[in-house]
């Protein structure tokens, strides 16, 4: 299916998300922070990035800004996940993320966001 970079500093959330995404047929490259996530994006050329917002080294906002600021990755879909942002906080949209998923989330919510982001990206590429 899709190649996904998953940047999440919480090892439990990272492992559960990794398991869910792999069971859904995706190839997942885990990263423990935004800096590792950025390196994985550049090396693996993924179809999607899922990034926690609050991480050490490079947070999810900085990772999304790096993705949007690079011509090779500027159209890459990005899902931000957060346990600290309030509904209606528009910072995620201002930095160019496609979707925001609030923690805690159900596995079905994660997979729904992934499908939405990938379907939208496919529609954009087709035009």
PDB file of N, CA and C in Angstrom:
ATOM      1  N   UNK A   1       0.838  -1.183   0.000  1.00  0.00           N
ATOM      2  CA  UNK A   1       0.000   0.000   0.000  1.00  0.00           C
ATOM      3  C   UNK A   1       0.883   1.246   0.000  1.00  0.00           C
ATOM      4  N   UNK A   2       0.974   1.946   1.144  1.00  0.00           N
ATOM      5  CA  UNK A   2       1.734   3.197   1.192  1.00  0.00           C
ATOM      6  C   UNK A   2       2.956   3.054   2.089  1.00  0.00           C
ATOM      7  N   UNK A   3       3.952   3.896   1.823  1.00  0.00           N
ATOM      8  CA  UNK A   3       5.106   4.018   2.704  1.00  0.00           C
ATOM      9  C   UNK A   3       4.857   5.245   3.576  1.00  0.00           C
ATOM     10  N   UNK A   4       4.939   5.039   4.891  1.00  0.00           N
ATOM     11  CA  UNK A   4       4.595   6.086   5.855  1.00  0.00           C
ATOM     12  C   UNK A   4       5.749   6.293   6.820  1.00  0.00           C
ATOM     13  N   UNK A   5       6.145   7.557   7.023  1.00  0.00           N
ATOM     14  CA  UNK A   5       7.074   7.903   8.094  1.00  0.00           C
ATOM     15  C   UNK A   5       6.230   8.277   9.291  1.00  0.00           C
ATOM     16  N   UNK A   6       6.510   7.636  10.427  1.00  0.00           N
ATOM     17  CA  UNK A   6       5.792   7.871  11.675  1.00  0.00           C
ATOM     18  C   UNK A   6       6.756   8.472  12.692  1.00  0.00           C
ATOM     19  N   UNK A   7       6.633   9.782  12.930  1.00  0.00           N
ATOM     20  CA  UNK A   7       7.502  10.476  13.889  1.00  0.00           C
ATOM     21  C   UNK A   7       6.724  10.662  15.192  1.00  0.00           C
ATOM     22  N   UNK A   8       7.100   9.910  16.202  1.00  0.00           N
ATOM     23  CA  UNK A   8       6.407   9.932  17.499  1.00  0.00           C
ATOM     24  C   UNK A   8       7.422   9.603  18.582  1.00  0.00           C
ATOM     25  N   UNK A   9       7.546  10.489  19.586  1.00  0.00           N
ATOM     26  CA  UNK A   9       8.539  10.262  20.624  1.00  0.00           C
ATOM     27  C   UNK A   9       8.063   9.329  21.733  1.00  0.00           C
ATOM     28  N   UNK A  10       6.773   9.118  21.889  1.00  0.00           N
ATOM     29  CA  UNK A  10       6.255   8.204  22.909  1.00  0.00           C
ATOM     30  C   UNK A  10       6.354   6.778  22.356  1.00  0.00           C
ATOM     31  N   UNK A  11       7.207   5.941  22.964  1.00  0.00           N
ATOM     32  CA  UNK A  11       7.429   4.603  22.395  1.00  0.00           C
ATOM     33  C   UNK A  11       6.168   3.747  22.365  1.00  0.00           C
ATOM     34  N   UNK A  12       5.278   3.893  23.343  1.00  0.00           N
ATOM     35  CA  UNK A  12       4.059   3.086  23.354  1.00  0.00           C
ATOM     36  C   UNK A  12       3.133   3.474  22.198  1.00  0.00           C
ATOM     37  N   UNK A  13       2.918   4.771  22.015  1.00  0.00           N
ATOM     38  CA  UNK A  13       2.057   5.236  20.919  1.00  0.00           C
ATOM     39  C   UNK A  13       2.678   4.888  19.580  1.00  0.00           C
ATOM     40  N   UNK A  14       4.006   5.036  19.494  1.00  0.00           N
ATOM     41  CA  UNK A  14       4.702   4.709  18.245  1.00  0.00           C
ATOM     42  C   UNK A  14       4.522   3.225  17.900  1.00  0.00           C
ATOM     43  N   UNK A  15       4.694   2.347  18.864  1.00  0.00           N
ATOM     44  CA  UNK A  15       4.599   0.910  18.601  1.00  0.00           C
ATOM     45  C   UNK A  15       3.175   0.479  18.263  1.00  0.00           C
ATOM     46  N   UNK A  16       2.193   1.008  18.975  1.00  0.00           N
ATOM     47  CA  UNK A  16       0.794   0.663  18.683  1.00  0.00           C
ATOM     48  C   UNK A  16       0.410   1.165  17.296  1.00  0.00           C
ATOM     49  N   UNK A  17       0.788   2.403  16.973  1.00  0.00           N
ATOM     50  CA  UNK A  17       0.482   2.966  15.658  1.00  0.00           C
ATOM     51  C   UNK A  17       1.186   2.179  14.558  1.00  0.00           C
ATOM     52  N   UNK A  18       2.428   1.824  14.810  1.00  0.00           N
ATOM     53  CA  UNK A  18       3.211   1.027  13.863  1.00  0.00           C
ATOM     54  C   UNK A  18       2.511  -0.294  13.575  1.00  0.00           C
ATOM     55  N   UNK A  19       2.066  -0.966  14.613  1.00  0.00           N
ATOM     56  CA  UNK A  19       1.377  -2.241  14.474  1.00  0.00           C
ATOM     57  C   UNK A  19       0.083  -2.084  13.672  1.00  0.00           C
ATOM     58  N   UNK A  20      -0.715  -1.079  14.008  1.00  0.00           N
ATOM     59  CA  UNK A  20      -1.978  -0.836  13.291  1.00  0.00           C
ATOM     60  C   UNK A  20      -1.742  -0.558  11.815  1.00  0.00           C
ATOM     61  N   UNK A  21      -0.779   0.302  11.537  1.00  0.00           N
ATOM     62  CA  UNK A  21      -0.501   0.676  10.149  1.00  0.00           C
ATOM     63  C   UNK A  21       0.051  -0.505   9.346  1.00  0.00           C
ATOM     64  N   UNK A  22       0.909  -1.290   9.962  1.00  0.00           N
ATOM     65  CA  UNK A  22       1.459  -2.452   9.262  1.00  0.00           C
ATOM     66  C   UNK A  22       0.388  -3.508   9.023  1.00  0.00           C
ATOM     67  N   UNK A  23      -0.500  -3.700  10.000  1.00  0.00           N
ATOM     68  CA  UNK A  23      -1.603  -4.653   9.811  1.00  0.00           C
ATOM     69  C   UNK A  23      -2.527  -4.213   8.683  1.00  0.00           C
ATOM     70  N   UNK A  24      -2.587  -2.905   8.443  1.00  0.00           N
ATOM     71  CA  UNK A  24      -3.408  -2.374   7.348  1.00  0.00           C
ATOM     72  C   UNK A  24      -2.676  -2.464   6.007  1.00  0.00           C
ATOM     73  N   UNK A  25      -1.448  -2.990   6.028  1.00  0.00           N
ATOM     74  CA  UNK A  25      -0.719  -3.218   4.787  1.00  0.00           C
ATOM     75  C   UNK A  25       0.298  -2.167   4.410  1.00  0.00           C
ATOM     76  N   UNK A  26       0.531  -1.197   5.284  1.00  0.00           N
ATOM     77  CA  UNK A  26       1.469  -0.118   4.970  1.00  0.00           C
ATOM     78  C   UNK A  26       2.889  -0.469   5.413  1.00  0.00           C
ATOM     79  N   UNK A  27       3.864   0.051   4.700  1.00  0.00           N
ATOM     80  CA  UNK A  27       5.262  -0.019   5.120  1.00  0.00           C
ATOM     81  C   UNK A  27       5.504   1.219   5.985  1.00  0.00           C
ATOM     82  N   UNK A  28       5.998   1.014   7.192  1.00  0.00           N
ATOM     83  CA  UNK A  28       6.139   2.128   8.128  1.00  0.00           C
ATOM     84  C   UNK A  28       7.587   2.273   8.567  1.00  0.00           C
ATOM     85  N   UNK A  29       8.073   3.513   8.503  1.00  0.00           N
ATOM     86  CA  UNK A  29       9.409   3.843   8.968  1.00  0.00           C
ATOM     87  C   UNK A  29       9.238   4.643  10.254  1.00  0.00           C
ATOM     88  N   UNK A  30       9.574   4.052  11.415  1.00  0.00           N
ATOM     89  CA  UNK A  30       9.411   4.759  12.681  1.00  0.00           C
ATOM     90  C   UNK A  30      10.560   5.729  12.944  1.00  0.00           C
ATOM     91  N   UNK A  31      10.220   6.841  13.591  1.00  0.00           N
ATOM     92  CA  UNK A  31      11.222   7.842  13.984  1.00  0.00           C
ATOM     93  C   UNK A  31      10.867   8.317  15.392  1.00  0.00           C
ATOM     94  N   UNK A  32      11.885   8.466  16.230  1.00  0.00           N
ATOM     95  CA  UNK A  32      11.670   8.839  17.620  1.00  0.00           C
ATOM     96  C   UNK A  32      11.533  10.324  17.875  1.00  0.00           C
ATOM     97  N   UNK A  33      11.791  11.145  16.869  1.00  0.00           N
ATOM     98  CA  UNK A  33      11.608  12.597  17.002  1.00  0.00           C
ATOM     99  C   UNK A  33      11.524  13.201  15.605  1.00  0.00           C
ATOM    100  N   UNK A  34      11.300  14.489  15.539  1.00  0.00           N
ATOM    101  CA  UNK A  34      11.122  15.154  14.257  1.00  0.00           C
ATOM    102  C   UNK A  34      12.370  15.162  13.399  1.00  0.00           C
ATOM    103  N   UNK A  35      13.530  15.271  14.034  1.00  0.00           N
ATOM    104  CA  UNK A  35      14.780  15.268  13.266  1.00  0.00           C
ATOM    105  C   UNK A  35      14.987  13.924  12.569  1.00  0.00           C
ATOM    106  N   UNK A  36      14.754  12.836  13.287  1.00  0.00           N
ATOM    107  CA  UNK A  36      14.833  11.504  12.680  1.00  0.00           C
ATOM    108  C   UNK A  36      13.767  11.358  11.594  1.00  0.00           C
ATOM    109  N   UNK A  37      12.593  11.929  11.848  1.00  0.00           N
ATOM    110  CA  UNK A  37      11.517  11.891  10.863  1.00  0.00           C
ATOM    111  C   UNK A  37      11.902  12.601   9.577  1.00  0.00           C
ATOM    112  N   UNK A  38      12.537  13.767   9.709  1.00  0.00           N
ATOM    113  CA  UNK A  38      12.956  14.530   8.525  1.00  0.00           C
ATOM    114  C   UNK A  38      13.986  13.738   7.717  1.00  0.00           C
ATOM    115  N   UNK A  39      14.948  13.136   8.408  1.00  0.00           N
ATOM    116  CA  UNK A  39      15.952  12.316   7.709  1.00  0.00           C
ATOM    117  C   UNK A  39      15.274  11.142   6.990  1.00  0.00           C
ATOM    118  N   UNK A  40      14.281  10.531   7.649  1.00  0.00           N
ATOM    119  CA  UNK A  40      13.554   9.402   7.040  1.00  0.00           C
ATOM    120  C   UNK A  40      12.773   9.857   5.808  1.00  0.00           C
ATOM    121  N   UNK A  41      12.184  11.052   5.864  1.00  0.00           N
ATOM    122  CA  UNK A  41      11.456  11.594   4.710  1.00  0.00           C
ATOM    123  C   UNK A  41      12.412  11.750   3.530  1.00  0.00           C
ATOM    124  N   UNK A  42      13.564  12.328   3.775  1.00  0.00           N
ATOM    125  CA  UNK A  42      14.525  12.562   2.700  1.00  0.00           C
ATOM    126  C   UNK A  42      15.086  11.263   2.124  1.00  0.00           C
ATOM    127  N   UNK A  43      15.285  10.271   2.982  1.00  0.00           N
ATOM    128  CA  UNK A  43      15.886   9.014   2.546  1.00  0.00           C
ATOM    129  C   UNK A  43      14.888   8.075   1.878  1.00  0.00           C
ATOM    130  N   UNK A  44      13.660   7.992   2.427  1.00  0.00           N
ATOM    131  CA  UNK A  44      12.696   6.982   1.984  1.00  0.00           C
ATOM    132  C   UNK A  44      11.655   7.479   0.987  1.00  0.00           C
ATOM    133  N   UNK A  45      11.535   8.796   0.811  1.00  0.00           N
ATOM    134  CA  UNK A  45      10.544   9.341  -0.115  1.00  0.00           C
ATOM    135  C   UNK A  45       9.157   8.723   0.119  1.00  0.00           C
ATOM    136  N   UNK A  46       8.582   8.919   1.311  1.00  0.00           N
ATOM    137  CA  UNK A  46       7.320   8.257   1.660  1.00  0.00           C
ATOM    138  C   UNK A  46       6.114   8.864   0.939  1.00  0.00           C
ATOM    139  N   UNK A  47       4.989   8.180   1.085  1.00  0.00           N
ATOM    140  CA  UNK A  47       3.722   8.659   0.544  1.00  0.00           C
ATOM    141  C   UNK A  47       2.979   9.539   1.545  1.00  0.00           C
ATOM    142  N   UNK A  48       3.357   9.443   2.825  1.00  0.00           N
ATOM    143  CA  UNK A  48       2.647  10.129   3.904  1.00  0.00           C
ATOM    144  C   UNK A  48       3.561  10.256   5.111  1.00  0.00           C
ATOM    145  N   UNK A  49       3.380  11.339   5.871  1.00  0.00           N
ATOM    146  CA  UNK A  49       4.076  11.517   7.149  1.00  0.00           C
ATOM    147  C   UNK A  49       3.020  11.687   8.231  1.00  0.00           C
ATOM    148  N   UNK A  50       3.208  10.965   9.324  1.00  0.00           N
ATOM    149  CA  UNK A  50       2.391  11.141  10.522  1.00  0.00           C
ATOM    150  C   UNK A  50       3.351  11.624  11.599  1.00  0.00           C
ATOM    151  N   UNK A  51       3.034  12.773  12.201  1.00  0.00           N
ATOM    152  CA  UNK A  51       3.969  13.368  13.156  1.00  0.00           C
ATOM    153  C   UNK A  51       3.261  13.863  14.401  1.00  0.00           C
ATOM    154  N   UNK A  52       3.817  13.491  15.541  1.00  0.00           N
ATOM    155  CA  UNK A  52       3.386  14.086  16.797  1.00  0.00           C
ATOM    156  C   UNK A  52       3.773  15.564  16.752  1.00  0.00           C
ATOM    157  N   UNK A  53       3.025  16.393  17.442  1.00  0.00           N
ATOM    158  CA  UNK A  53       3.326  17.821  17.470  1.00  0.00           C
ATOM    159  C   UNK A  53       4.412  18.125  18.499  1.00  0.00           C
ATOM    160  N   UNK A  54       4.306  17.556  19.685  1.00  0.00           N
ATOM    161  CA  UNK A  54       5.197  17.878  20.793  1.00  0.00           C
ATOM    162  C   UNK A  54       6.294  16.817  20.907  1.00  0.00           C
ATOM    163  N   UNK A  55       7.474  17.119  20.315  1.00  0.00           N
ATOM    164  CA  UNK A  55       8.605  16.189  20.332  1.00  0.00           C
ATOM    165  C   UNK A  55       9.903  16.947  20.563  1.00  0.00           C
ATOM    166  N   UNK A  56      10.927  16.243  21.048  1.00  0.00           N
ATOM    167  CA  UNK A  56      12.242  16.879  21.205  1.00  0.00           C
ATOM    168  C   UNK A  56      12.954  17.021  19.859  1.00  0.00           C
ATOM    169  N   UNK A  57      14.049  17.738  19.871  1.00  0.00           N
ATOM    170  CA  UNK A  57      14.925  17.969  18.713  1.00  0.00           C
ATOM    171  C   UNK A  57      14.250  18.844  17.658  1.00  0.00           C
ATOM    172  N   UNK A  58      13.248  18.315  16.984  1.00  0.00           N
ATOM    173  CA  UNK A  58      12.483  19.051  15.980  1.00  0.00           C
ATOM    174  C   UNK A  58      11.024  18.660  16.239  1.00  0.00           C
ATOM    175  N   UNK A  59      10.173  19.632  16.577  1.00  0.00           N
ATOM    176  CA  UNK A  59       8.785  19.268  16.863  1.00  0.00           C
ATOM    177  C   UNK A  59       8.007  19.056  15.567  1.00  0.00           C
ATOM    178  N   UNK A  60       6.773  18.653  15.686  1.00  0.00           N
ATOM    179  CA  UNK A  60       5.955  18.358  14.508  1.00  0.00           C
ATOM    180  C   UNK A  60       5.706  19.568  13.627  1.00  0.00           C
ATOM    181  N   UNK A  61       5.606  20.758  14.241  1.00  0.00           N
ATOM    182  CA  UNK A  61       5.441  21.975  13.442  1.00  0.00           C
ATOM    183  C   UNK A  61       6.682  22.213  12.585  1.00  0.00           C
ATOM    184  N   UNK A  62       7.846  22.080  13.194  1.00  0.00           N
ATOM    185  CA  UNK A  62       9.097  22.288  12.462  1.00  0.00           C
ATOM    186  C   UNK A  62       9.277  21.236  11.362  1.00  0.00           C
ATOM    187  N   UNK A  63       8.887  20.000  11.665  1.00  0.00           N
ATOM    188  CA  UNK A  63       8.978  18.947  10.649  1.00  0.00           C
ATOM    189  C   UNK A  63       8.074  19.278   9.467  1.00  0.00           C
ATOM    190  N   UNK A  64       6.851  19.680   9.736  1.00  0.00           N
ATOM    191  CA  UNK A  64       5.922  20.024   8.657  1.00  0.00           C
ATOM    192  C   UNK A  64       6.434  21.226   7.861  1.00  0.00           C
ATOM    193  N   UNK A  65       6.994  22.212   8.545  1.00  0.00           N
ATOM    194  CA  UNK A  65       7.552  23.370   7.843  1.00  0.00           C
ATOM    195  C   UNK A  65       8.725  22.967   6.952  1.00  0.00           C
ATOM    196  N   UNK A  66       9.558  22.031   7.423  1.00  0.00           N
ATOM    197  CA  UNK A  66      10.674  21.544   6.606  1.00  0.00           C
ATOM    198  C   UNK A  66      10.145  20.824   5.363  1.00  0.00           C
ATOM    199  N   UNK A  67       9.112  20.018   5.546  1.00  0.00           N
ATOM    200  CA  UNK A  67       8.514  19.302   4.418  1.00  0.00           C
ATOM    201  C   UNK A  67       7.947  20.287   3.404  1.00  0.00           C
ATOM    202  N   UNK A  68       7.199  21.276   3.875  1.00  0.00           N
ATOM    203  CA  UNK A  68       6.584  22.250   2.971  1.00  0.00           C
ATOM    204  C   UNK A  68       7.611  23.184   2.331  1.00  0.00           C
ATOM    205  N   UNK A  69       8.757  23.355   2.980  1.00  0.00           N
ATOM    206  CA  UNK A  69       9.779  24.249   2.466  1.00  0.00           C
ATOM    207  C   UNK A  69      10.737  23.620   1.469  1.00  0.00           C
ATOM    208  N   UNK A  70      10.604  22.325   1.224  1.00  0.00           N
ATOM    209  CA  UNK A  70      11.500  21.626   0.312  1.00  0.00           C
ATOM    210  C   UNK A  70      10.727  21.267  -0.957  1.00  0.00           C
ATOM    211  N   UNK A  71      11.179  21.718  -2.129  1.00  0.00           N
ATOM    212  CA  UNK A  71      10.455  21.430  -3.371  1.00  0.00           C
ATOM    213  C   UNK A  71      10.225  19.939  -3.627  1.00  0.00           C
ATOM    214  N   UNK A  72      11.106  19.091  -3.132  1.00  0.00           N
ATOM    215  CA  UNK A  72      10.963  17.647  -3.352  1.00  0.00           C
ATOM    216  C   UNK A  72       9.880  17.025  -2.482  1.00  0.00           C
ATOM    217  N   UNK A  73       9.481  17.713  -1.399  1.00  0.00           N
ATOM    218  CA  UNK A  73       8.519  17.127  -0.458  1.00  0.00           C
ATOM    219  C   UNK A  73       7.312  18.024  -0.191  1.00  0.00           C
ATOM    220  N   UNK A  74       7.246  19.179  -0.826  1.00  0.00           N
ATOM    221  CA  UNK A  74       6.239  20.174  -0.454  1.00  0.00           C
ATOM    222  C   UNK A  74       4.796  19.704  -0.571  1.00  0.00           C
ATOM    223  N   UNK A  75       4.524  18.715  -1.416  1.00  0.00           N
ATOM    224  CA  UNK A  75       3.153  18.231  -1.573  1.00  0.00           C
ATOM    225  C   UNK A  75       2.878  16.938  -0.810  1.00  0.00           C
ATOM    226  N   UNK A  76       3.836  16.486  -0.030  1.00  0.00           N
ATOM    227  CA  UNK A  76       3.690  15.268   0.758  1.00  0.00           C
ATOM    228  C   UNK A  76       2.602  15.461   1.816  1.00  0.00           C
ATOM    229  N   UNK A  77       1.605  14.565   1.888  1.00  0.00           N
ATOM    230  CA  UNK A  77       0.578  14.719   2.916  1.00  0.00           C
ATOM    231  C   UNK A  77       1.152  14.507   4.318  1.00  0.00           C
ATOM    232  N   UNK A  78       0.675  15.339   5.254  1.00  0.00           N
ATOM    233  CA  UNK A  78       1.134  15.286   6.637  1.00  0.00           C
ATOM    234  C   UNK A  78      -0.077  15.240   7.565  1.00  0.00           C
ATOM    235  N   UNK A  79      -0.060  14.261   8.459  1.00  0.00           N
ATOM    236  CA  UNK A  79      -1.050  14.181   9.528  1.00  0.00           C
ATOM    237  C   UNK A  79      -0.328  14.503  10.824  1.00  0.00           C
ATOM    238  N   UNK A  80      -0.804  15.497  11.554  1.00  0.00           N
ATOM    239  CA  UNK A  80      -0.261  15.799  12.873  1.00  0.00           C
ATOM    240  C   UNK A  80      -1.130  15.131  13.927  1.00  0.00           C
ATOM    241  N   UNK A  81      -0.486  14.616  14.960  1.00  0.00           N
ATOM    242  CA  UNK A  81      -1.210  14.055  16.089  1.00  0.00           C
ATOM    243  C   UNK A  81      -0.782  14.816  17.336  1.00  0.00           C
ATOM    244  N   UNK A  82      -1.744  15.063  18.208  1.00  0.00           N
ATOM    245  CA  UNK A  82      -1.438  15.868  19.384  1.00  0.00           C
ATOM    246  C   UNK A  82      -2.374  15.559  20.546  1.00  0.00           C
ATOM    247  N   UNK A  83      -1.792  15.593  21.715  1.00  0.00           N
ATOM    248  CA  UNK A  83      -2.575  15.490  22.935  1.00  0.00           C
ATOM    249  C   UNK A  83      -2.674  16.825  23.641  1.00  0.00           C
ATOM    250  N   UNK A  84      -2.062  17.856  23.075  1.00  0.00           N
ATOM    251  CA  UNK A  84      -2.037  19.161  23.747  1.00  0.00           C
ATOM    252  C   UNK A  84      -2.784  20.257  23.003  1.00  0.00           C
ATOM    253  N   UNK A  85      -2.980  20.117  21.713  1.00  0.00           N
ATOM    254  CA  UNK A  85      -3.685  21.157  20.960  1.00  0.00           C
ATOM    255  C   UNK A  85      -5.186  21.057  21.202  1.00  0.00           C
ATOM    256  N   UNK A  86      -5.798  22.196  21.334  1.00  0.00           N
ATOM    257  CA  UNK A  86      -7.242  22.248  21.538  1.00  0.00           C
ATOM    258  C   UNK A  86      -7.942  22.235  20.181  1.00  0.00           C
ATOM    259  N   UNK A  87      -9.155  21.659  20.140  1.00  0.00           N
ATOM    260  CA  UNK A  87      -9.921  21.739  18.891  1.00  0.00           C
ATOM    261  C   UNK A  87     -10.073  23.205  18.473  1.00  0.00           C
ATOM    262  N   UNK A  88      -9.924  23.453  17.199  1.00  0.00           N
ATOM    263  CA  UNK A  88     -10.016  24.818  16.688  1.00  0.00           C
ATOM    264  C   UNK A  88      -8.676  25.528  16.600  1.00  0.00           C
ATOM    265  N   UNK A  89      -7.626  24.957  17.192  1.00  0.00           N
ATOM    266  CA  UNK A  89      -6.290  25.548  17.088  1.00  0.00           C
ATOM    267  C   UNK A  89      -5.853  25.428  15.628  1.00  0.00           C
ATOM    268  N   UNK A  90      -5.648  26.555  14.967  1.00  0.00           N
ATOM    269  CA  UNK A  90      -5.378  26.523  13.533  1.00  0.00           C
ATOM    270  C   UNK A  90      -3.891  26.486  13.173  1.00  0.00           C
ATOM    271  N   UNK A  91      -3.017  26.352  14.161  1.00  0.00           N
ATOM    272  CA  UNK A  91      -1.583  26.318  13.848  1.00  0.00           C
ATOM    273  C   UNK A  91      -1.222  25.165  12.922  1.00  0.00           C
ATOM    274  N   UNK A  92      -1.898  24.041  13.072  1.00  0.00           N
ATOM    275  CA  UNK A  92      -1.605  22.879  12.240  1.00  0.00           C
ATOM    276  C   UNK A  92      -1.912  23.195  10.777  1.00  0.00           C
ATOM    277  N   UNK A  93      -3.026  23.851  10.532  1.00  0.00           N
ATOM    278  CA  UNK A  93      -3.376  24.219   9.156  1.00  0.00           C
ATOM    279  C   UNK A  93      -2.464  25.312   8.622  1.00  0.00           C
ATOM    280  N   UNK A  94      -2.080  26.257   9.479  1.00  0.00           N
ATOM    281  CA  UNK A  94      -1.203  27.352   9.032  1.00  0.00           C
ATOM    282  C   UNK A  94       0.159  26.857   8.589  1.00  0.00           C
ATOM    283  N   UNK A  95       0.646  25.777   9.181  1.00  0.00           N
ATOM    284  CA  UNK A  95       1.955  25.253   8.789  1.00  0.00           C
ATOM    285  C   UNK A  95       1.851  24.290   7.614  1.00  0.00           C
ATOM    286  N   UNK A  96       0.627  23.995   7.207  1.00  0.00           N
ATOM    287  CA  UNK A  96       0.437  23.186   6.012  1.00  0.00           C
ATOM    288  C   UNK A  96       0.125  21.722   6.224  1.00  0.00           C
ATOM    289  N   UNK A  97      -0.165  21.311   7.462  1.00  0.00           N
ATOM    290  CA  UNK A  97      -0.557  19.918   7.677  1.00  0.00           C
ATOM    291  C   UNK A  97      -1.935  19.684   7.059  1.00  0.00           C
ATOM    292  N   UNK A  98      -2.172  18.468   6.642  1.00  0.00           N
ATOM    293  CA  UNK A  98      -3.438  18.132   6.008  1.00  0.00           C
ATOM    294  C   UNK A  98      -4.533  17.809   7.011  1.00  0.00           C
ATOM    295  N   UNK A  99      -4.154  17.126   8.094  1.00  0.00           N
ATOM    296  CA  UNK A  99      -5.130  16.690   9.085  1.00  0.00           C
ATOM    297  C   UNK A  99      -4.531  16.747  10.481  1.00  0.00           C
ATOM    298  N   UNK A 100      -5.402  16.849  11.479  1.00  0.00           N
ATOM    299  CA  UNK A 100      -5.000  16.789  12.883  1.00  0.00           C
ATOM    300  C   UNK A 100      -5.800  15.680  13.545  1.00  0.00           C
ATOM    301  N   UNK A 101      -5.098  14.799  14.236  1.00  0.00           N
ATOM    302  CA  UNK A 101      -5.718  13.717  14.986  1.00  0.00           C
ATOM    303  C   UNK A 101      -5.387  13.934  16.453  1.00  0.00           C
ATOM    304  N   UNK A 102      -6.430  14.013  17.295  1.00  0.00           N
ATOM    305  CA  UNK A 102      -6.235  14.273  18.717  1.00  0.00           C
ATOM    306  C   UNK A 102      -5.996  12.968  19.479  1.00  0.00           C
ATOM    307  N   UNK A 103      -5.024  13.006  20.395  1.00  0.00           N
ATOM    308  CA  UNK A 103      -4.767  11.888  21.301  1.00  0.00           C
ATOM    309  C   UNK A 103      -5.700  12.023  22.499  1.00  0.00           C
ATOM    310  N   UNK A 104      -6.134  10.957  23.088  1.00  0.00           N
ATOM    311  CA  UNK A 104      -5.963   9.581  22.601  1.00  0.00           C
ATOM    312  C   UNK A 104      -6.904   9.329  21.432  1.00  0.00           C
ATOM    313  N   UNK A 105      -6.469   8.473  20.521  1.00  0.00           N
ATOM    314  CA  UNK A 105      -7.279   8.166  19.352  1.00  0.00           C
ATOM    315  C   UNK A 105      -7.447   6.659  19.243  1.00  0.00           C
ATOM    316  N   UNK A 106      -8.538   6.271  18.622  1.00  0.00           N
ATOM    317  CA  UNK A 106      -8.793   4.859  18.353  1.00  0.00           C
ATOM    318  C   UNK A 106      -8.048   4.463  17.081  1.00  0.00           C
ATOM    319  N   UNK A 107      -7.738   3.191  16.976  1.00  0.00           N
ATOM    320  CA  UNK A 107      -7.066   2.698  15.780  1.00  0.00           C
ATOM    321  C   UNK A 107      -7.846   3.010  14.519  1.00  0.00           C
ATOM    322  N   UNK A 108      -9.167   2.904  14.608  1.00  0.00           N
ATOM    323  CA  UNK A 108     -10.001   3.188  13.430  1.00  0.00           C
ATOM    324  C   UNK A 108      -9.895   4.657  13.021  1.00  0.00           C
ATOM    325  N   UNK A 109      -9.719   5.559  13.980  1.00  0.00           N
ATOM    326  CA  UNK A 109      -9.553   6.979  13.664  1.00  0.00           C
ATOM    327  C   UNK A 109      -8.230   7.218  12.933  1.00  0.00           C
ATOM    328  N   UNK A 110      -7.179   6.574  13.395  1.00  0.00           N
ATOM    329  CA  UNK A 110      -5.876   6.703  12.740  1.00  0.00           C
ATOM    330  C   UNK A 110      -5.962   6.209  11.299  1.00  0.00           C
ATOM    331  N   UNK A 111      -6.532   5.037  11.110  1.00  0.00           N
ATOM    332  CA  UNK A 111      -6.616   4.466   9.770  1.00  0.00           C
ATOM    333  C   UNK A 111      -7.523   5.293   8.861  1.00  0.00           C
ATOM    334  N   UNK A 112      -8.569   5.865   9.408  1.00  0.00           N
ATOM    335  CA  UNK A 112      -9.448   6.730   8.625  1.00  0.00           C
ATOM    336  C   UNK A 112      -8.702   7.980   8.156  1.00  0.00           C
ATOM    337  N   UNK A 113      -7.919   8.593   9.055  1.00  0.00           N
ATOM    338  CA  UNK A 113      -7.118   9.768   8.679  1.00  0.00           C
ATOM    339  C   UNK A 113      -6.100   9.414   7.602  1.00  0.00           C
ATOM    340  N   UNK A 114      -5.463   8.267   7.748  1.00  0.00           N
ATOM    341  CA  UNK A 114      -4.476   7.823   6.762  1.00  0.00           C
ATOM    342  C   UNK A 114      -5.146   7.658   5.398  1.00  0.00           C
ATOM    343  N   UNK A 115      -6.296   6.975   5.370  1.00  0.00           N
ATOM    344  CA  UNK A 115      -7.006   6.774   4.108  1.00  0.00           C
ATOM    345  C   UNK A 115      -7.427   8.100   3.493  1.00  0.00           C
ATOM    346  N   UNK A 116      -7.923   9.022   4.306  1.00  0.00           N
ATOM    347  CA  UNK A 116      -8.329  10.338   3.808  1.00  0.00           C
ATOM    348  C   UNK A 116      -7.143  11.069   3.201  1.00  0.00           C
ATOM    349  N   UNK A 117      -6.020  11.099   3.919  1.00  0.00           N
ATOM    350  CA  UNK A 117      -4.834  11.811   3.432  1.00  0.00           C
ATOM    351  C   UNK A 117      -4.302  11.180   2.149  1.00  0.00           C
ATOM    352  N   UNK A 118      -4.258   9.864   2.091  1.00  0.00           N
ATOM    353  CA  UNK A 118      -3.741   9.190   0.899  1.00  0.00           C
ATOM    354  C   UNK A 118      -4.687   9.354  -0.290  1.00  0.00           C
ATOM    355  N   UNK A 119      -5.983   9.285  -0.047  1.00  0.00           N
ATOM    356  CA  UNK A 119      -6.945   9.483  -1.138  1.00  0.00           C
ATOM    357  C   UNK A 119      -6.873  10.897  -1.679  1.00  0.00           C
ATOM    358  N   UNK A 120      -6.733  11.883  -0.794  1.00  0.00           N
ATOM    359  CA  UNK A 120      -6.618  13.266  -1.227  1.00  0.00           C
ATOM    360  C   UNK A 120      -5.323  13.471  -2.020  1.00  0.00           C
ATOM    361  N   UNK A 121      -4.243  12.882  -1.536  1.00  0.00           N
ATOM    362  CA  UNK A 121      -2.961  13.012  -2.226  1.00  0.00           C
ATOM    363  C   UNK A 121      -3.043  12.397  -3.616  1.00  0.00           C
ATOM    364  N   UNK A 122      -3.726  11.246  -3.740  1.00  0.00           N
ATOM    365  CA  UNK A 122      -3.899  10.610  -5.043  1.00  0.00           C
ATOM    366  C   UNK A 122      -4.701  11.471  -5.994  1.00  0.00           C
ATOM    367  N   UNK A 123      -5.715  12.128  -5.461  1.00  0.00           N
ATOM    368  CA  UNK A 123      -6.540  13.020  -6.294  1.00  0.00           C
ATOM    369  C   UNK A 123      -5.726  14.217  -6.756  1.00  0.00           C
ATOM    370  N   UNK A 124      -4.876  14.732  -5.899  1.00  0.00           N
ATOM    371  CA  UNK A 124      -4.036  15.880  -6.259  1.00  0.00           C
ATOM    372  C   UNK A 124      -3.038  15.482  -7.330  1.00  0.00           C
ATOM    373  N   UNK A 125      -2.415  14.303  -7.192  1.00  0.00           N
ATOM    374  CA  UNK A 125      -1.442  13.835  -8.180  1.00  0.00           C
ATOM    375  C   UNK A 125      -2.087  13.574  -9.533  1.00  0.00           C
ATOM    376  N   UNK A 126      -3.358  13.163  -9.527  1.00  0.00           N
ATOM    377  CA  UNK A 126      -4.047  12.819 -10.772  1.00  0.00           C
ATOM    378  C   UNK A 126      -4.402  14.055 -11.595  1.00  0.00           C
ATOM    379  N   UNK A 127      -4.447  15.240 -10.948  1.00  0.00           N
ATOM    380  CA  UNK A 127      -4.822  16.453 -11.679  1.00  0.00           C
ATOM    381  C   UNK A 127      -3.631  17.097 -12.338  1.00  0.00           C
TER     382      UNK A 127
END
